[in-house]
Every structure is written in C-alpha cells, then in structure tokens.
Amino acid sequence: MHEFDDAVLQCFLDNQSQLFPEEDVVSSLEEAEAFLEECLAVVVHSVREVWDFFEEEGIDVDGAKGDEILEADEVFDVGDGRYLIVEG
C-alpha cells in the first residue's frame, strides 16, 4: 500500500478536475487518500520515473517527448519534484 502524504493529497484534491472534469471525485484529504489507494495511484520522483511508469503500464503517450509527458491528464505535479500518477 502506498503512503500518500498531505502534499500529495492536497495536490490531487486541488487539481482533480484535470483528470475528472465532470465533477469532483473527492472533497477532503481523507477521501483523496482512499481514492488514490483504491485506484493504485503512484508517486514518482522524476520525469524519468514518469516515463518508466507509462512504459511499464503500456500507456500510449501520443508521441510525447521529454517534459511533455507531464501534460498527460494522469500526471499531477506535486510541486516538490514529485509527481502523482493517477489512472482514471
């Protein structure tokens, strides 16, 4: 089980609409933690690790290069060098 700290949870809470534009899926840090655990979200520590995750999962990156991978709806920039990846 992944441990999501408050910075990661707040990032998802604040930015969830990039992946779920129709409606908020969580409304608190507790709900965010439960949701992220349920959908097996991961936290990685570099752009390289984001690429590695997408390659391992076989996720199509539509020809993205370099930092363009960070524009994917599934990738959330925590703001401290880490990235949260949530598969909707």
PDB file of N, CA and C in Angstrom:
ATOM      1  N   MET A   1       0.848  -1.194   0.000  1.00  0.00           N
ATOM      2  CA  MET A   1       0.000   0.000   0.000  1.00  0.00           C
ATOM      3  C   MET A   1       0.884   1.244   0.000  1.00  0.00           C
ATOM      4  N   HIS A   2       0.486   2.201  -0.793  1.00  0.00           N
ATOM      5  CA  HIS A   2       1.242   3.445  -0.890  1.00  0.00           C
ATOM      6  C   HIS A   2       0.831   4.396   0.219  1.00  0.00           C
ATOM      7  N   GLU A   3       1.811   5.096   0.737  1.00  0.00           N
ATOM      8  CA  GLU A   3       1.507   6.145   1.708  1.00  0.00           C
ATOM      9  C   GLU A   3       1.511   7.478   0.966  1.00  0.00           C
ATOM     10  N   PHE A   4       0.431   8.177   1.046  1.00  0.00           N
ATOM     11  CA  PHE A   4       0.324   9.480   0.404  1.00  0.00           C
ATOM     12  C   PHE A   4       0.360  10.545   1.497  1.00  0.00           C
ATOM     13  N   ASP A   5       1.358  11.448   1.425  1.00  0.00           N
ATOM     14  CA  ASP A   5       1.439  12.498   2.429  1.00  0.00           C
ATOM     15  C   ASP A   5       0.494  13.643   2.075  1.00  0.00           C
ATOM     16  N   ASP A   6       0.385  14.614   2.977  1.00  0.00           N
ATOM     17  CA  ASP A   6      -0.571  15.699   2.780  1.00  0.00           C
ATOM     18  C   ASP A   6      -0.310  16.499   1.508  1.00  0.00           C
ATOM     19  N   ALA A   7       0.953  16.674   1.126  1.00  0.00           N
ATOM     20  CA  ALA A   7       1.268  17.440  -0.089  1.00  0.00           C
ATOM     21  C   ALA A   7       0.693  16.742  -1.316  1.00  0.00           C
ATOM     22  N   VAL A   8       0.826  15.426  -1.372  1.00  0.00           N
ATOM     23  CA  VAL A   8       0.293  14.649  -2.492  1.00  0.00           C
ATOM     24  C   VAL A   8      -1.232  14.694  -2.485  1.00  0.00           C
ATOM     25  N   LEU A   9      -1.826  14.497  -1.312  1.00  0.00           N
ATOM     26  CA  LEU A   9      -3.286  14.503  -1.205  1.00  0.00           C
ATOM     27  C   LEU A   9      -3.864  15.864  -1.574  1.00  0.00           C
ATOM     28  N   GLN A  10      -3.230  16.936  -1.104  1.00  0.00           N
ATOM     29  CA  GLN A  10      -3.714  18.284  -1.407  1.00  0.00           C
ATOM     30  C   GLN A  10      -3.580  18.572  -2.897  1.00  0.00           C
ATOM     31  N   CYS A  11      -2.497  18.127  -3.500  1.00  0.00           N
ATOM     32  CA  CYS A  11      -2.290  18.305  -4.943  1.00  0.00           C
ATOM     33  C   CYS A  11      -3.444  17.670  -5.714  1.00  0.00           C
ATOM     34  N   PHE A  12      -3.792  16.431  -5.345  1.00  0.00           N
ATOM     35  CA  PHE A  12      -4.891  15.766  -6.048  1.00  0.00           C
ATOM     36  C   PHE A  12      -6.224  16.452  -5.774  1.00  0.00           C
ATOM     37  N   LEU A  13      -6.454  16.821  -4.532  1.00  0.00           N
ATOM     38  CA  LEU A  13      -7.698  17.487  -4.158  1.00  0.00           C
ATOM     39  C   LEU A  13      -7.876  18.786  -4.961  1.00  0.00           C
ATOM     40  N   ASP A  14      -6.789  19.553  -5.082  1.00  0.00           N
ATOM     41  CA  ASP A  14      -6.849  20.848  -5.767  1.00  0.00           C
ATOM     42  C   ASP A  14      -6.937  20.717  -7.289  1.00  0.00           C
ATOM     43  N   ASN A  15      -6.402  19.629  -7.844  1.00  0.00           N
ATOM     44  CA  ASN A  15      -6.253  19.530  -9.298  1.00  0.00           C
ATOM     45  C   ASN A  15      -6.998  18.369  -9.931  1.00  0.00           C
ATOM     46  N   GLN A  16      -7.887  17.738  -9.172  1.00  0.00           N
ATOM     47  CA  GLN A  16      -8.569  16.550  -9.676  1.00  0.00           C
ATOM     48  C   GLN A  16      -9.345  16.796 -10.966  1.00  0.00           C
ATOM     49  N   SER A  17      -9.753  18.037 -11.225  1.00  0.00           N
ATOM     50  CA  SER A  17     -10.547  18.318 -12.416  1.00  0.00           C
ATOM     51  C   SER A  17      -9.769  18.101 -13.713  1.00  0.00           C
ATOM     52  N   GLN A  18      -8.431  18.066 -13.651  1.00  0.00           N
ATOM     53  CA  GLN A  18      -7.690  17.814 -14.887  1.00  0.00           C
ATOM     54  C   GLN A  18      -7.928  16.387 -15.383  1.00  0.00           C
ATOM     55  N   LEU A  19      -8.227  15.473 -14.473  1.00  0.00           N
ATOM     56  CA  LEU A  19      -8.496  14.087 -14.853  1.00  0.00           C
ATOM     57  C   LEU A  19      -9.991  13.780 -14.833  1.00  0.00           C
ATOM     58  N   PHE A  20     -10.711  14.459 -13.976  1.00  0.00           N
ATOM     59  CA  PHE A  20     -12.146  14.235 -13.825  1.00  0.00           C
ATOM     60  C   PHE A  20     -12.896  15.560 -13.985  1.00  0.00           C
ATOM     61  N   PRO A  21     -13.005  16.055 -15.220  1.00  0.00           N
ATOM     62  CA  PRO A  21     -13.589  17.388 -15.442  1.00  0.00           C
ATOM     63  C   PRO A  21     -15.089  17.470 -15.153  1.00  0.00           C
ATOM     64  N   GLU A  22     -15.778  16.357 -15.163  1.00  0.00           N
ATOM     65  CA  GLU A  22     -17.228  16.385 -14.986  1.00  0.00           C
ATOM     66  C   GLU A  22     -17.634  16.799 -13.578  1.00  0.00           C
ATOM     67  N   GLU A  23     -16.951  16.221 -12.583  1.00  0.00           N
ATOM     68  CA  GLU A  23     -17.299  16.521 -11.194  1.00  0.00           C
ATOM     69  C   GLU A  23     -16.144  16.112 -10.291  1.00  0.00           C
ATOM     70  N   ASP A  24     -16.106  16.717  -9.115  1.00  0.00           N
ATOM     71  CA  ASP A  24     -15.085  16.340  -8.147  1.00  0.00           C
ATOM     72  C   ASP A  24     -15.354  14.920  -7.666  1.00  0.00           C
ATOM     73  N   VAL A  25     -14.295  14.132  -7.566  1.00  0.00           N
ATOM     74  CA  VAL A  25     -14.449  12.772  -7.067  1.00  0.00           C
ATOM     75  C   VAL A  25     -14.134  12.693  -5.575  1.00  0.00           C
ATOM     76  N   VAL A  26     -13.422  13.697  -5.058  1.00  0.00           N
ATOM     77  CA  VAL A  26     -13.117  13.737  -3.630  1.00  0.00           C
ATOM     78  C   VAL A  26     -13.323  15.160  -3.115  1.00  0.00           C
ATOM     79  N   SER A  27     -13.632  15.273  -1.818  1.00  0.00           N
ATOM     80  CA  SER A  27     -13.850  16.607  -1.259  1.00  0.00           C
ATOM     81  C   SER A  27     -13.063  16.827   0.028  1.00  0.00           C
ATOM     82  N   SER A  28     -12.197  15.865   0.378  1.00  0.00           N
ATOM     83  CA  SER A  28     -11.382  16.026   1.577  1.00  0.00           C
ATOM     84  C   SER A  28     -10.081  15.238   1.401  1.00  0.00           C
ATOM     85  N   LEU A  29      -9.114  15.507   2.267  1.00  0.00           N
ATOM     86  CA  LEU A  29      -7.858  14.766   2.206  1.00  0.00           C
ATOM     87  C   LEU A  29      -8.094  13.280   2.477  1.00  0.00           C
ATOM     88  N   GLU A  30      -9.010  12.964   3.400  1.00  0.00           N
ATOM     89  CA  GLU A  30      -9.304  11.571   3.715  1.00  0.00           C
ATOM     90  C   GLU A  30      -9.884  10.856   2.499  1.00  0.00           C
ATOM     91  N   GLU A  31     -10.823  11.514   1.811  1.00  0.00           N
ATOM     92  CA  GLU A  31     -11.407  10.921   0.612  1.00  0.00           C
ATOM     93  C   GLU A  31     -10.342  10.772  -0.474  1.00  0.00           C
ATOM     94  N   ALA A  32      -9.457  11.768  -0.579  1.00  0.00           N
ATOM     95  CA  ALA A  32      -8.395  11.704  -1.579  1.00  0.00           C
ATOM     96  C   ALA A  32      -7.501  10.496  -1.325  1.00  0.00           C
ATOM     97  N   GLU A  33      -7.140  10.278  -0.063  1.00  0.00           N
ATOM     98  CA  GLU A  33      -6.282   9.146   0.264  1.00  0.00           C
ATOM     99  C   GLU A  33      -6.959   7.817  -0.084  1.00  0.00           C
ATOM    100  N   ALA A  34      -8.210   7.679   0.293  1.00  0.00           N
ATOM    101  CA  ALA A  34      -8.942   6.448  -0.002  1.00  0.00           C
ATOM    102  C   ALA A  34      -9.056   6.229  -1.508  1.00  0.00           C
ATOM    103  N   PHE A  35      -9.354   7.289  -2.247  1.00  0.00           N
ATOM    104  CA  PHE A  35      -9.499   7.196  -3.692  1.00  0.00           C
ATOM    105  C   PHE A  35      -8.180   6.799  -4.346  1.00  0.00           C
ATOM    106  N   LEU A  36      -7.089   7.451  -3.941  1.00  0.00           N
ATOM    107  CA  LEU A  36      -5.786   7.161  -4.548  1.00  0.00           C
ATOM    108  C   LEU A  36      -5.339   5.738  -4.244  1.00  0.00           C
ATOM    109  N   GLU A  37      -5.622   5.267  -3.045  1.00  0.00           N
ATOM    110  CA  GLU A  37      -5.287   3.880  -2.708  1.00  0.00           C
ATOM    111  C   GLU A  37      -6.116   2.911  -3.550  1.00  0.00           C
ATOM    112  N   GLU A  38      -7.388   3.237  -3.719  1.00  0.00           N
ATOM    113  CA  GLU A  38      -8.290   2.369  -4.467  1.00  0.00           C
ATOM    114  C   GLU A  38      -7.878   2.248  -5.931  1.00  0.00           C
ATOM    115  N   CYS A  39      -7.439   3.350  -6.527  1.00  0.00           N
ATOM    116  CA  CYS A  39      -7.079   3.292  -7.950  1.00  0.00           C
ATOM    117  C   CYS A  39      -5.581   3.048  -8.155  1.00  0.00           C
ATOM    118  N   LEU A  40      -4.887   2.664  -7.086  1.00  0.00           N
ATOM    119  CA  LEU A  40      -3.478   2.289  -7.170  1.00  0.00           C
ATOM    120  C   LEU A  40      -2.606   3.382  -7.775  1.00  0.00           C
ATOM    121  N   ALA A  41      -2.854   4.604  -7.352  1.00  0.00           N
ATOM    122  CA  ALA A  41      -2.030   5.730  -7.795  1.00  0.00           C
ATOM    123  C   ALA A  41      -0.608   5.546  -7.272  1.00  0.00           C
ATOM    124  N   VAL A  42       0.341   6.157  -7.971  1.00  0.00           N
ATOM    125  CA  VAL A  42       1.734   6.061  -7.544  1.00  0.00           C
ATOM    126  C   VAL A  42       2.356   7.448  -7.486  1.00  0.00           C
ATOM    127  N   VAL A  43       3.368   7.580  -6.635  1.00  0.00           N
ATOM    128  CA  VAL A  43       4.146   8.809  -6.551  1.00  0.00           C
ATOM    129  C   VAL A  43       5.545   8.483  -7.038  1.00  0.00           C
ATOM    130  N   VAL A  44       6.039   9.267  -8.001  1.00  0.00           N
ATOM    131  CA  VAL A  44       7.393   9.077  -8.508  1.00  0.00           C
ATOM    132  C   VAL A  44       8.186  10.353  -8.281  1.00  0.00           C
ATOM    133  N   HIS A  45       9.508  10.257  -8.422  1.00  0.00           N
ATOM    134  CA  HIS A  45      10.383  11.348  -8.014  1.00  0.00           C
ATOM    135  C   HIS A  45      11.120  12.041  -9.148  1.00  0.00           C
ATOM    136  N   SER A  46      10.757  11.760 -10.401  1.00  0.00           N
ATOM    137  CA  SER A  46      11.404  12.436 -11.521  1.00  0.00           C
ATOM    138  C   SER A  46      10.587  12.231 -12.793  1.00  0.00           C
ATOM    139  N   VAL A  47      10.880  13.060 -13.793  1.00  0.00           N
ATOM    140  CA  VAL A  47      10.240  12.910 -15.091  1.00  0.00           C
ATOM    141  C   VAL A  47      10.593  11.538 -15.668  1.00  0.00           C
ATOM    142  N   ARG A  48      11.829  11.100 -15.462  1.00  0.00           N
ATOM    143  CA  ARG A  48      12.259   9.780 -15.948  1.00  0.00           C
ATOM    144  C   ARG A  48      11.368   8.677 -15.370  1.00  0.00           C
ATOM    145  N   GLU A  49      11.066   8.777 -14.079  1.00  0.00           N
ATOM    146  CA  GLU A  49      10.209   7.771 -13.452  1.00  0.00           C
ATOM    147  C   GLU A  49       8.783   7.820 -13.995  1.00  0.00           C
ATOM    148  N   VAL A  50       8.319   9.014 -14.390  1.00  0.00           N
ATOM    149  CA  VAL A  50       7.004   9.115 -15.033  1.00  0.00           C
ATOM    150  C   VAL A  50       7.038   8.323 -16.336  1.00  0.00           C
ATOM    151  N   TRP A  51       8.093   8.540 -17.132  1.00  0.00           N
ATOM    152  CA  TRP A  51       8.250   7.803 -18.395  1.00  0.00           C
ATOM    153  C   TRP A  51       8.291   6.304 -18.147  1.00  0.00           C
ATOM    154  N   ASP A  52       9.087   5.898 -17.145  1.00  0.00           N
ATOM    155  CA  ASP A  52       9.221   4.469 -16.841  1.00  0.00           C
ATOM    156  C   ASP A  52       7.860   3.863 -16.500  1.00  0.00           C
ATOM    157  N   PHE A  53       7.075   4.588 -15.697  1.00  0.00           N
ATOM    158  CA  PHE A  53       5.757   4.091 -15.313  1.00  0.00           C
ATOM    159  C   PHE A  53       4.873   3.909 -16.545  1.00  0.00           C
ATOM    160  N   PHE A  54       4.828   4.918 -17.405  1.00  0.00           N
ATOM    161  CA  PHE A  54       3.976   4.846 -18.599  1.00  0.00           C
ATOM    162  C   PHE A  54       4.413   3.687 -19.487  1.00  0.00           C
ATOM    163  N   GLU A  55       5.736   3.479 -19.619  1.00  0.00           N
ATOM    164  CA  GLU A  55       6.242   2.381 -20.443  1.00  0.00           C
ATOM    165  C   GLU A  55       5.873   1.035 -19.820  1.00  0.00           C
ATOM    166  N   GLU A  56       6.063   0.885 -18.513  1.00  0.00           N
ATOM    167  CA  GLU A  56       5.755  -0.374 -17.828  1.00  0.00           C
ATOM    168  C   GLU A  56       4.269  -0.712 -17.912  1.00  0.00           C
ATOM    169  N   GLU A  57       3.428   0.318 -17.830  1.00  0.00           N
ATOM    170  CA  GLU A  57       1.980   0.095 -17.865  1.00  0.00           C
ATOM    171  C   GLU A  57       1.447  -0.005 -19.292  1.00  0.00           C
ATOM    172  N   GLY A  58       2.297   0.278 -20.275  1.00  0.00           N
ATOM    173  CA  GLY A  58       1.864   0.222 -21.662  1.00  0.00           C
ATOM    174  C   GLY A  58       0.898   1.332 -22.036  1.00  0.00           C
ATOM    175  N   ILE A  59       1.043   2.483 -21.376  1.00  0.00           N
ATOM    176  CA  ILE A  59       0.152   3.614 -21.636  1.00  0.00           C
ATOM    177  C   ILE A  59       0.672   4.393 -22.846  1.00  0.00           C
ATOM    178  N   ASP A  60      -0.205   4.632 -23.809  1.00  0.00           N
ATOM    179  CA  ASP A  60       0.158   5.374 -25.019  1.00  0.00           C
ATOM    180  C   ASP A  60       0.406   6.835 -24.673  1.00  0.00           C
ATOM    181  N   VAL A  61       1.562   7.353 -25.094  1.00  0.00           N
ATOM    182  CA  VAL A  61       1.913   8.734 -24.762  1.00  0.00           C
ATOM    183  C   VAL A  61       1.778   9.673 -25.957  1.00  0.00           C
ATOM    184  N   ASP A  62       1.123   9.195 -27.019  1.00  0.00           N
ATOM    185  CA  ASP A  62       0.824  10.041 -28.177  1.00  0.00           C
ATOM    186  C   ASP A  62       2.022  10.824 -28.690  1.00  0.00           C
ATOM    187  N   GLY A  63       3.180  10.191 -28.738  1.00  0.00           N
ATOM    188  CA  GLY A  63       4.356  10.834 -29.296  1.00  0.00           C
ATOM    189  C   GLY A  63       4.968  11.922 -28.439  1.00  0.00           C
ATOM    190  N   ALA A  64       4.604  11.964 -27.168  1.00  0.00           N
ATOM    191  CA  ALA A  64       5.167  12.976 -26.268  1.00  0.00           C
ATOM    192  C   ALA A  64       6.678  12.761 -26.126  1.00  0.00           C
ATOM    193  N   LYS A  65       7.390  13.854 -25.887  1.00  0.00           N
ATOM    194  CA  LYS A  65       8.834  13.786 -25.683  1.00  0.00           C
ATOM    195  C   LYS A  65       9.203  14.611 -24.448  1.00  0.00           C
ATOM    196  N   GLY A  66      10.227  14.166 -23.733  1.00  0.00           N
ATOM    197  CA  GLY A  66      10.739  14.934 -22.604  1.00  0.00           C
ATOM    198  C   GLY A  66       9.669  15.293 -21.600  1.00  0.00           C
ATOM    199  N   ASP A  67       9.630  16.575 -21.241  1.00  0.00           N
ATOM    200  CA  ASP A  67       8.685  17.047 -20.228  1.00  0.00           C
ATOM    201  C   ASP A  67       7.231  17.047 -20.695  1.00  0.00           C
ATOM    202  N   GLU A  68       7.008  16.823 -21.998  1.00  0.00           N
ATOM    203  CA  GLU A  68       5.627  16.803 -22.500  1.00  0.00           C
ATOM    204  C   GLU A  68       4.791  15.747 -21.795  1.00  0.00           C
ATOM    205  N   ILE A  69       5.438  14.710 -21.271  1.00  0.00           N
ATOM    206  CA  ILE A  69       4.716  13.641 -20.564  1.00  0.00           C
ATOM    207  C   ILE A  69       3.957  14.212 -19.365  1.00  0.00           C
ATOM    208  N   LEU A  70       4.456  15.313 -18.827  1.00  0.00           N
ATOM    209  CA  LEU A  70       3.829  15.910 -17.650  1.00  0.00           C
ATOM    210  C   LEU A  70       2.494  16.565 -17.979  1.00  0.00           C
ATOM    211  N   GLU A  71       2.208  16.738 -19.272  1.00  0.00           N
ATOM    212  CA  GLU A  71       0.936  17.322 -19.687  1.00  0.00           C
ATOM    213  C   GLU A  71      -0.185  16.287 -19.722  1.00  0.00           C
ATOM    214  N   ALA A  72       0.156  15.014 -19.545  1.00  0.00           N
ATOM    215  CA  ALA A  72      -0.865  13.961 -19.535  1.00  0.00           C
ATOM    216  C   ALA A  72      -1.829  14.214 -18.373  1.00  0.00           C
ATOM    217  N   ASP A  73      -3.111  13.968 -18.620  1.00  0.00           N
ATOM    218  CA  ASP A  73      -4.125  14.202 -17.585  1.00  0.00           C
ATOM    219  C   ASP A  73      -3.864  13.401 -16.326  1.00  0.00           C
ATOM    220  N   GLU A  74      -3.211  12.245 -16.471  1.00  0.00           N
ATOM    221  CA  GLU A  74      -2.978  11.360 -15.326  1.00  0.00           C
ATOM    222  C   GLU A  74      -1.850  11.818 -14.420  1.00  0.00           C
ATOM    223  N   VAL A  75      -1.055  12.806 -14.870  1.00  0.00           N
ATOM    224  CA  VAL A  75       0.142  13.214 -14.130  1.00  0.00           C
ATOM    225  C   VAL A  75      -0.121  14.538 -13.396  1.00  0.00           C
ATOM    226  N   PHE A  76       0.108  14.512 -12.097  1.00  0.00           N
ATOM    227  CA  PHE A  76      -0.086  15.691 -11.251  1.00  0.00           C
ATOM    228  C   PHE A  76       1.261  16.094 -10.669  1.00  0.00           C
ATOM    229  N   ASP A  77       1.669  17.341 -10.853  1.00  0.00           N
ATOM    230  CA  ASP A  77       2.921  17.853 -10.311  1.00  0.00           C
ATOM    231  C   ASP A  77       2.689  18.265  -8.865  1.00  0.00           C
ATOM    232  N   VAL A  78       3.298  17.524  -7.938  1.00  0.00           N
ATOM    233  CA  VAL A  78       3.107  17.807  -6.514  1.00  0.00           C
ATOM    234  C   VAL A  78       3.739  19.149  -6.145  1.00  0.00           C
ATOM    235  N   GLY A  79       4.775  19.554  -6.884  1.00  0.00           N
ATOM    236  CA  GLY A  79       5.386  20.855  -6.659  1.00  0.00           C
ATOM    237  C   GLY A  79       6.709  20.786  -5.915  1.00  0.00           C
ATOM    238  N   ASP A  80       7.089  19.587  -5.493  1.00  0.00           N
ATOM    239  CA  ASP A  80       8.347  19.451  -4.756  1.00  0.00           C
ATOM    240  C   ASP A  80       9.298  18.465  -5.448  1.00  0.00           C
ATOM    241  N   GLY A  81       9.104  18.317  -6.756  1.00  0.00           N
ATOM    242  CA  GLY A  81       9.939  17.391  -7.511  1.00  0.00           C
ATOM    243  C   GLY A  81       9.308  16.025  -7.681  1.00  0.00           C
ATOM    244  N   ARG A  82       8.168  15.820  -7.023  1.00  0.00           N
ATOM    245  CA  ARG A  82       7.470  14.541  -7.159  1.00  0.00           C
ATOM    246  C   ARG A  82       6.258  14.696  -8.063  1.00  0.00           C
ATOM    247  N   TYR A  83       5.851  13.573  -8.615  1.00  0.00           N
ATOM    248  CA  TYR A  83       4.692  13.540  -9.487  1.00  0.00           C
ATOM    249  C   TYR A  83       3.766  12.424  -9.062  1.00  0.00           C
ATOM    250  N   LEU A  84       2.486  12.726  -9.002  1.00  0.00           N
ATOM    251  CA  LEU A  84       1.456  11.748  -8.690  1.00  0.00           C
ATOM    252  C   LEU A  84       0.878  11.267 -10.021  1.00  0.00           C
ATOM    253  N   ILE A  85       0.796   9.955 -10.185  1.00  0.00           N
ATOM    254  CA  ILE A  85       0.202   9.395 -11.395  1.00  0.00           C
ATOM    255  C   ILE A  85      -1.062   8.652 -10.992  1.00  0.00           C
ATOM    256  N   VAL A  86      -2.180   9.081 -11.576  1.00  0.00           N
ATOM    257  CA  VAL A  86      -3.486   8.509 -11.256  1.00  0.00           C
ATOM    258  C   VAL A  86      -4.086   7.973 -12.541  1.00  0.00           C
ATOM    259  N   GLU A  87      -4.364   6.691 -12.576  1.00  0.00           N
ATOM    260  CA  GLU A  87      -5.031   6.129 -13.744  1.00  0.00           C
ATOM    261  C   GLU A  87      -6.521   6.217 -13.544  1.00  0.00           C
ATOM    262  N   GLY A  88      -7.170   7.073 -14.336  1.00  0.00           N
ATOM    263  CA  GLY A  88      -8.604   7.286 -14.203  1.00  0.00           C
ATOM    264  C   GLY A  88      -9.330   6.041 -14.583  1.00  0.00           C
TER     265      GLY A  88
END
